[in-house]
Amino acid sequence: MSKIYRIAIIGCGGIANGKHMPSLKKLKNIEMVAFCDIIPERAEKAAKEYGSEDAKVYTDYNEVFADKTIDVVHVCTPNDSHAEISIAAMEADKHVMCEKPMAKTAADARRMVEVAKSTGKKLTVGYNNRFRTDSRYLKEVCEAGDLGEIYFAKAHAIRRRAVPTWGVFLDEEKQGGGPLIDIGTHALDLTLWMMNNYKPKAVLGTAFHKLSSRENAANAWGPWDPSKFTVEDSAFGMITMENGATIMLESSWALNVVKSGEAICTLCGTEGGADMWDGLTINGEKHSKLYDQKIQLGASGVAFYDGASEDAPDVEMRLWIDAIEQDKDPVVTAEQACVVSEILEAIYESSKTGKAIYFNN
């Protein structure tokens, strides 16, 4: 019989309830045995809904880590505590899945990588968009070389009016930034992964506070409070890589556009291209003619059966536990996630200084 992995959830708010706990609950070889939150009622509710019979509730994560029977920790807290909690967990001999972004600062992300190496514990970051059906198919296309050398790409994370007004999303001190570090991070991770290119050379970026001061603004979750909107409402970056490849990153919670989309990318290679707008389309040239190929991603084979499929978070959690059980690298490695954090920080720094930021790899 396979081992049952005992998991602790640190932070029992939106992302824990929306992704981690429901998807973990579907796995047969795990038990959620500890729930920690600074608001005890949230931890108690999570334990009741998702916990094992012996599940315990905590308000101090250090008490959780003292339990030597816990194998895995999921860190679902605001960005400013990701590094502190993840490092403490690894030093307490636990494997860690940390929600994205990896950390509030690049320095903290690098510390997390070093502790993972020194302790030998597995560390991954919650970039769940890699596990979507279209993402996994496009990754296969890229790895097969169908696009050739991917030398230009766009990472898209654009909302017309969808500013998150709950939690600490608008708090720069807690989060480290706004849409760039919140949703831009997903688009950038996806793009770098498709290109398999993690060697940035230089970054030029801009961040804007153009719509954040607006009163009674149209918004998916109701008007935001301008006095609490301390992060940017849009941020953009041009990233050049050591091999000359270039990535344009666009991120916004509120931008005057008609066409919006997030956690998607456009890829341009020497042999073909791809984009994730309105589904997945591969384009190229054959026999001196151009073609566009819309990929049918559904699992259906006959009219009355749509086929079986897993949601991206379910795949993410299953493959994460598999990586622990089989002692192999997780799909999202700590080193890859660290590069994402370094690039995001460089965009913010470039915006503040008005200068390009160069990497010394």
Protein backbone atom coordinates (compact mmCIF):
# COMPACT_ATOMS: atom_id res chain seq x y z
CA MET A 1 0.00 0.00 0.00
CA SER A 2 1.37 3.44 -0.94
CA LYS A 3 2.24 5.96 1.74
CA ILE A 4 -0.41 8.41 2.90
CA TYR A 5 1.10 11.90 2.84
CA ARG A 6 0.08 14.14 5.73
CA ILE A 7 -0.43 17.73 4.58
CA ALA A 8 -0.65 21.04 6.43
CA ILE A 9 -2.41 24.07 4.94
CA ILE A 10 -0.96 27.43 6.04
CA GLY A 11 -3.44 30.18 5.20
CA CYS A 12 -7.06 29.08 4.81
CA GLY A 13 -8.35 31.94 2.67
CA GLY A 14 -9.42 32.32 -0.95
CA ILE A 15 -6.70 30.43 -2.83
CA ALA A 16 -6.66 27.55 -0.33
CA ASN A 17 -10.44 27.14 -0.62
CA GLY A 18 -10.57 27.85 -4.34
CA LYS A 19 -7.77 25.56 -5.47
CA HIS A 20 -5.55 23.68 -3.02
CA MET A 21 -7.96 21.99 -0.64
CA PRO A 22 -10.69 20.94 -3.14
CA SER A 23 -8.10 19.39 -5.48
CA LEU A 24 -6.10 17.72 -2.71
CA LYS A 25 -9.33 16.24 -1.33
CA LYS A 26 -9.69 14.19 -4.54
CA LEU A 27 -6.40 12.36 -4.02
CA LYS A 28 -6.45 8.95 -2.34
CA ASN A 29 -2.92 9.07 -0.91
CA ILE A 30 -3.10 12.29 1.12
CA GLU A 31 -4.69 13.51 4.32
CA MET A 32 -5.03 17.16 5.30
CA VAL A 33 -4.21 17.01 8.99
CA ALA A 34 -3.34 20.60 9.99
CA PHE A 35 -4.94 23.94 9.18
CA CYS A 36 -3.37 27.23 10.22
CA ASP A 37 -4.69 30.77 9.87
CA ILE A 38 -4.40 33.99 11.86
CA ILE A 39 -8.22 33.98 11.86
CA PRO A 40 -9.07 30.81 13.84
CA GLU A 41 -12.58 30.54 12.42
CA ARG A 42 -11.21 30.15 8.91
CA ALA A 43 -8.91 27.32 9.97
CA GLU A 44 -11.74 25.63 11.87
CA LYS A 45 -14.06 25.83 8.86
CA ALA A 46 -11.37 24.36 6.57
CA ALA A 47 -10.63 21.54 9.00
CA LYS A 48 -14.29 20.65 9.24
CA GLU A 49 -14.76 20.61 5.47
CA TYR A 50 -11.48 19.08 4.29
CA GLY A 51 -9.64 17.69 7.29
CA SER A 52 -8.95 14.16 8.44
CA GLU A 53 -10.58 12.81 11.59
CA ASP A 54 -7.52 13.82 13.63
CA ALA A 55 -7.08 17.23 11.96
CA LYS A 56 -5.82 20.03 14.19
CA VAL A 57 -6.27 23.79 13.99
CA TYR A 58 -3.53 26.36 14.63
CA THR A 59 -2.89 30.10 14.54
CA ASP A 60 0.94 29.78 14.70
CA TYR A 61 2.65 27.93 11.85
CA ASN A 62 5.68 27.17 14.04
CA GLU A 63 3.48 24.86 16.11
CA VAL A 64 2.44 23.10 12.91
CA PHE A 65 6.05 22.48 11.89
CA ALA A 66 6.84 20.95 15.28
CA ASP A 67 4.66 18.00 14.26
CA LYS A 68 7.14 15.50 12.82
CA THR A 69 4.38 13.42 11.22
CA ILE A 70 3.58 16.15 8.69
CA ASP A 71 5.19 15.48 5.30
CA VAL A 72 4.04 18.37 3.11
CA VAL A 73 3.14 22.02 3.65
CA HIS A 74 1.07 24.22 1.33
CA VAL A 75 1.74 27.93 1.82
CA CYS A 76 -1.35 29.98 0.85
CA THR A 77 -0.63 33.28 2.59
CA PRO A 78 0.02 36.86 1.33
CA ASN A 79 3.19 37.31 -0.71
CA ASP A 80 5.25 38.96 2.03
CA SER A 81 5.23 35.78 4.16
CA HIS A 82 5.87 33.19 1.43
CA ALA A 83 9.62 32.99 1.95
CA GLU A 84 9.55 33.05 5.76
CA ILE A 85 7.00 30.26 6.05
CA SER A 86 8.39 28.13 3.21
CA ILE A 87 11.93 28.28 4.60
CA ALA A 88 10.75 27.40 8.11
CA ALA A 89 8.81 24.44 6.71
CA MET A 90 11.76 23.08 4.72
CA GLU A 91 14.07 23.49 7.70
CA ALA A 92 11.51 21.45 9.66
CA ASP A 93 11.89 18.64 7.09
CA LYS A 94 8.72 19.30 5.08
CA HIS A 95 8.23 19.44 1.31
CA VAL A 96 6.63 22.74 0.25
CA MET A 97 4.17 23.94 -2.36
CA CYS A 98 4.10 27.74 -2.17
CA GLU A 99 1.46 29.77 -3.93
CA LYS A 100 2.58 32.14 -6.66
CA PRO A 101 4.44 34.40 -6.86
CA MET A 102 7.35 32.60 -5.21
CA ALA A 103 8.12 35.54 -2.94
CA LYS A 104 7.62 39.26 -2.55
CA THR A 105 11.25 39.94 -3.49
CA ALA A 106 13.80 38.23 -5.72
CA ALA A 107 16.23 38.02 -2.80
CA ASP A 108 13.67 36.02 -0.82
CA ALA A 109 13.06 33.75 -3.81
CA ARG A 110 16.79 33.06 -4.07
CA ARG A 111 16.92 32.23 -0.35
CA MET A 112 14.11 29.72 -0.84
CA VAL A 113 16.06 28.02 -3.64
CA GLU A 114 19.17 27.78 -1.46
CA VAL A 115 17.27 26.30 1.49
CA ALA A 116 15.61 23.74 -0.77
CA LYS A 117 19.08 22.69 -1.95
CA SER A 118 20.61 22.60 1.52
CA THR A 119 17.75 20.65 3.11
CA GLY A 120 17.08 18.35 0.15
CA LYS A 121 13.35 19.06 0.39
CA LYS A 122 11.16 19.55 -2.66
CA LEU A 123 9.89 23.05 -3.35
CA THR A 124 7.39 24.05 -6.02
CA VAL A 125 5.33 27.15 -6.79
CA GLY A 126 1.63 27.24 -7.71
CA TYR A 127 1.76 28.14 -11.39
CA ASN A 128 -1.35 26.10 -12.15
CA ASN A 129 -1.82 27.44 -15.69
CA ARG A 130 0.92 25.10 -16.89
CA PHE A 131 -1.49 22.24 -16.23
CA ARG A 132 -4.33 23.38 -18.50
CA THR A 133 -5.06 21.17 -21.51
CA ASP A 134 -4.05 23.87 -24.01
CA SER A 135 -0.84 24.60 -22.11
CA ARG A 136 0.20 20.95 -21.97
CA TYR A 137 -0.52 20.47 -25.68
CA LEU A 138 1.43 23.60 -26.65
CA LYS A 139 4.34 22.48 -24.49
CA GLU A 140 4.46 19.23 -26.48
CA VAL A 141 4.44 21.25 -29.72
CA CYS A 142 7.36 23.37 -28.48
CA GLU A 143 9.37 20.38 -27.23
CA ALA A 144 8.87 18.59 -30.55
CA GLY A 145 10.48 21.56 -32.30
CA ASP A 146 7.39 22.26 -34.42
CA LEU A 147 7.83 26.02 -33.93
CA GLY A 148 11.59 25.94 -34.45
CA GLU A 149 13.58 28.51 -32.48
CA ILE A 150 11.15 30.70 -30.53
CA TYR A 151 12.72 34.14 -30.71
CA PHE A 152 9.77 36.44 -30.01
CA ALA A 153 6.87 36.04 -27.61
CA LYS A 154 4.16 37.97 -25.83
CA ALA A 155 2.92 37.19 -22.31
CA HIS A 156 -0.65 38.45 -21.87
CA ALA A 157 -2.41 39.20 -18.58
CA ILE A 158 -4.96 41.90 -19.39
CA ARG A 159 -8.31 42.63 -17.75
CA ARG A 160 -10.58 45.44 -18.84
CA ARG A 161 -12.08 46.04 -15.37
CA ALA A 162 -11.47 43.25 -12.87
CA VAL A 163 -9.63 44.67 -9.89
CA PRO A 164 -9.68 42.29 -6.89
CA THR A 165 -11.14 44.31 -4.02
CA TRP A 166 -10.90 41.70 -1.24
CA GLY A 167 -8.00 40.51 0.91
CA VAL A 168 -4.69 42.33 0.54
CA PHE A 169 -4.46 42.52 -3.27
CA LEU A 170 -4.32 46.34 -3.24
CA ASP A 171 -1.75 46.52 -0.42
CA GLU A 172 1.76 47.04 -1.80
CA GLU A 173 3.37 46.30 1.56
CA LYS A 174 1.79 42.84 1.75
CA GLN A 175 1.87 41.92 -1.93
CA GLY A 176 4.86 43.73 -3.39
CA GLY A 177 2.83 44.94 -6.36
CA GLY A 178 -0.43 44.72 -8.27
CA PRO A 179 -1.40 43.00 -11.53
CA LEU A 180 2.21 42.39 -12.58
CA ILE A 181 3.01 40.23 -9.56
CA ASP A 182 -0.54 38.83 -9.36
CA ILE A 183 -1.52 37.80 -12.90
CA GLY A 184 1.47 38.93 -14.97
CA THR A 185 3.49 36.34 -13.09
CA HIS A 186 1.31 33.53 -14.54
CA ALA A 187 1.68 34.77 -18.12
CA LEU A 188 5.43 35.18 -17.78
CA ASP A 189 5.89 31.75 -16.21
CA LEU A 190 3.89 30.14 -19.00
CA THR A 191 5.89 31.94 -21.71
CA LEU A 192 9.32 31.13 -20.27
CA TRP A 193 8.27 27.49 -19.84
CA MET A 194 7.14 27.21 -23.45
CA MET A 195 10.39 28.74 -24.67
CA ASN A 196 12.47 26.75 -22.16
CA ASN A 197 14.52 29.91 -21.74
CA TYR A 198 15.50 31.08 -18.25
CA LYS A 199 18.46 33.33 -18.99
CA PRO A 200 17.34 36.97 -19.04
CA LYS A 201 19.83 39.62 -20.14
CA ALA A 202 18.00 42.93 -19.71
CA VAL A 203 14.58 44.32 -18.79
CA LEU A 204 12.90 47.64 -19.55
CA GLY A 205 9.61 48.24 -17.76
CA THR A 206 6.87 50.72 -16.93
CA ALA A 207 4.17 50.65 -14.28
CA PHE A 208 1.15 52.94 -14.19
CA HIS A 209 -1.28 54.35 -11.62
CA LYS A 210 -3.71 55.82 -14.14
CA LEU A 211 -7.14 54.40 -13.24
CA SER A 212 -6.61 53.47 -9.59
CA SER A 213 -7.69 56.90 -8.27
CA ARG A 214 -11.07 56.71 -9.97
CA GLU A 215 -14.15 56.87 -7.73
CA ASN A 216 -17.13 54.54 -8.30
CA ALA A 217 -15.38 52.79 -11.16
CA ALA A 218 -16.99 50.01 -13.14
CA ASN A 219 -15.49 46.78 -11.86
CA ALA A 220 -16.32 43.06 -11.83
CA TRP A 221 -16.26 43.00 -8.01
CA GLY A 222 -17.67 46.45 -7.36
CA PRO A 223 -15.87 49.81 -7.13
CA TRP A 224 -12.46 49.84 -5.51
CA ASP A 225 -11.45 52.25 -2.76
CA PRO A 226 -8.87 54.63 -4.31
CA SER A 227 -7.36 55.34 -0.88
CA LYS A 228 -6.45 51.65 -0.49
CA PHE A 229 -5.25 51.12 -4.08
CA THR A 230 -1.51 51.44 -3.39
CA VAL A 231 -0.27 49.14 -6.19
CA GLU A 232 -0.04 49.78 -9.92
CA ASP A 233 -3.11 49.24 -12.11
CA SER A 234 -1.00 48.28 -15.16
CA ALA A 235 2.59 47.26 -15.84
CA PHE A 236 4.48 46.37 -19.00
CA GLY A 237 7.93 45.04 -19.75
CA MET A 238 10.29 44.17 -22.57
CA ILE A 239 12.60 41.31 -21.66
CA THR A 240 15.61 40.37 -23.77
CA MET A 241 17.26 37.02 -23.20
CA GLU A 242 20.91 36.04 -23.47
CA ASN A 243 20.30 34.31 -26.79
CA GLY A 244 18.59 37.40 -28.23
CA ALA A 245 15.00 36.21 -27.81
CA THR A 246 12.57 38.96 -26.79
CA ILE A 247 9.41 38.80 -24.67
CA MET A 248 6.81 41.54 -24.31
CA LEU A 249 4.85 41.25 -21.05
CA GLU A 250 1.58 43.10 -20.53
CA SER A 251 -0.41 43.06 -17.30
CA SER A 252 -3.35 45.05 -16.03
CA TRP A 253 -6.38 44.79 -13.79
CA ALA A 254 -7.99 47.82 -15.45
CA LEU A 255 -7.16 48.90 -18.99
CA ASN A 256 -9.23 50.51 -21.71
CA VAL A 257 -9.21 47.62 -24.16
CA VAL A 258 -11.96 45.54 -25.74
CA LYS A 259 -9.99 42.31 -26.06
CA SER A 260 -8.78 40.93 -22.74
CA GLY A 261 -7.23 37.68 -21.60
CA GLU A 262 -4.83 36.41 -18.98
CA ALA A 263 -2.36 33.58 -18.43
CA ILE A 264 -1.95 33.20 -22.18
CA CYS A 265 0.95 33.68 -24.57
CA THR A 266 1.81 34.27 -28.21
CA LEU A 267 4.88 32.49 -29.60
CA CYS A 268 6.78 33.20 -32.81
CA GLY A 269 9.39 30.74 -34.01
CA THR A 270 11.44 30.10 -37.12
CA GLU A 271 9.18 27.23 -38.23
CA GLY A 272 5.80 28.37 -36.95
CA GLY A 273 3.86 30.27 -34.35
CA ALA A 274 1.14 29.77 -31.78
CA ASP A 275 -1.32 31.82 -29.79
CA MET A 276 -3.78 31.05 -27.01
CA TRP A 277 -6.39 33.70 -27.85
CA ASP A 278 -9.84 32.13 -28.26
CA GLY A 279 -8.44 28.63 -27.96
CA LEU A 280 -5.11 27.33 -29.23
CA THR A 281 -4.07 28.09 -32.81
CA ILE A 282 -0.86 26.94 -34.50
CA ASN A 283 0.22 28.81 -37.62
CA GLY A 284 2.90 28.24 -40.21
CA GLU A 285 3.81 27.82 -43.85
CA LYS A 286 3.56 24.70 -46.00
CA HIS A 287 4.17 24.31 -49.72
CA SER A 288 4.53 28.08 -50.13
CA LYS A 289 1.15 28.72 -48.47
CA LEU A 290 0.26 29.99 -45.01
CA TYR A 291 -1.99 27.99 -42.69
CA ASP A 292 -3.77 28.39 -39.35
CA GLN A 293 -4.65 25.24 -37.42
CA LYS A 294 -7.19 25.45 -34.59
CA ILE A 295 -6.49 22.63 -32.14
CA GLN A 296 -9.50 20.64 -30.94
CA LEU A 297 -8.70 20.17 -27.26
CA GLY A 298 -11.85 18.34 -26.17
CA ALA A 299 -11.64 14.68 -25.21
CA SER A 300 -14.78 13.70 -27.11
CA GLY A 301 -14.72 10.85 -29.56
CA VAL A 302 -18.42 10.05 -30.04
CA ALA A 303 -21.52 12.21 -29.88
CA PHE A 304 -22.84 10.91 -26.55
CA TYR A 305 -19.54 10.87 -24.64
CA ASP A 306 -17.42 13.93 -23.91
CA GLY A 307 -14.53 12.00 -22.46
CA ALA A 308 -12.82 12.25 -19.10
CA SER A 309 -10.71 15.25 -18.18
CA GLU A 310 -9.12 16.86 -15.13
CA ASP A 311 -9.16 20.51 -14.20
CA ALA A 312 -5.76 22.20 -14.11
CA PRO A 313 -5.59 22.40 -10.28
CA ASP A 314 -6.41 18.69 -10.01
CA VAL A 315 -3.57 17.83 -12.40
CA GLU A 316 -1.26 20.21 -10.54
CA MET A 317 -1.88 18.60 -7.15
CA ARG A 318 -1.71 15.05 -8.49
CA LEU A 319 1.63 15.61 -10.24
CA TRP A 320 3.03 17.42 -7.20
CA ILE A 321 2.34 14.48 -4.90
CA ASP A 322 3.63 12.13 -7.62
CA ALA A 323 6.92 14.07 -7.69
CA ILE A 324 7.32 13.54 -3.94
CA GLU A 325 6.36 9.88 -4.10
CA GLN A 326 8.63 9.14 -7.07
CA ASP A 327 11.43 11.43 -5.85
CA LYS A 328 11.65 13.47 -9.04
CA ASP A 329 11.61 17.18 -9.88
CA PRO A 330 8.19 18.84 -9.71
CA VAL A 331 6.79 20.28 -12.96
CA VAL A 332 7.43 23.80 -11.63
CA THR A 333 10.94 23.90 -10.23
CA ALA A 334 12.08 26.43 -7.65
CA GLU A 335 14.84 27.63 -9.98
CA GLN A 336 12.34 28.42 -12.75
CA ALA A 337 9.98 30.26 -10.39
CA CYS A 338 12.92 32.27 -9.03
CA VAL A 339 13.74 33.60 -12.52
CA VAL A 340 10.12 34.75 -12.88
CA SER A 341 10.44 36.70 -9.60
CA GLU A 342 13.74 38.23 -10.70
CA ILE A 343 12.25 39.47 -13.97
CA LEU A 344 9.13 40.90 -12.27
CA GLU A 345 11.29 42.78 -9.76
CA ALA A 346 13.43 44.13 -12.61
CA ILE A 347 10.32 45.50 -14.36
CA TYR A 348 9.31 47.33 -11.18
CA GLU A 349 12.85 48.63 -10.67
CA SER A 350 13.10 49.78 -14.28
CA SER A 351 9.81 51.66 -13.95
CA LYS A 352 11.05 53.47 -10.84
CA THR A 353 14.46 54.39 -12.25
CA GLY A 354 13.54 54.92 -15.89
CA LYS A 355 16.50 52.76 -16.86
CA ALA A 356 17.01 49.28 -18.23
CA ILE A 357 17.98 46.65 -15.65
CA TYR A 358 20.77 44.27 -16.63
CA PHE A 359 21.25 40.76 -15.25
CA ASN A 360 24.65 39.36 -14.34
CA ASN A 361 24.19 35.65 -14.95
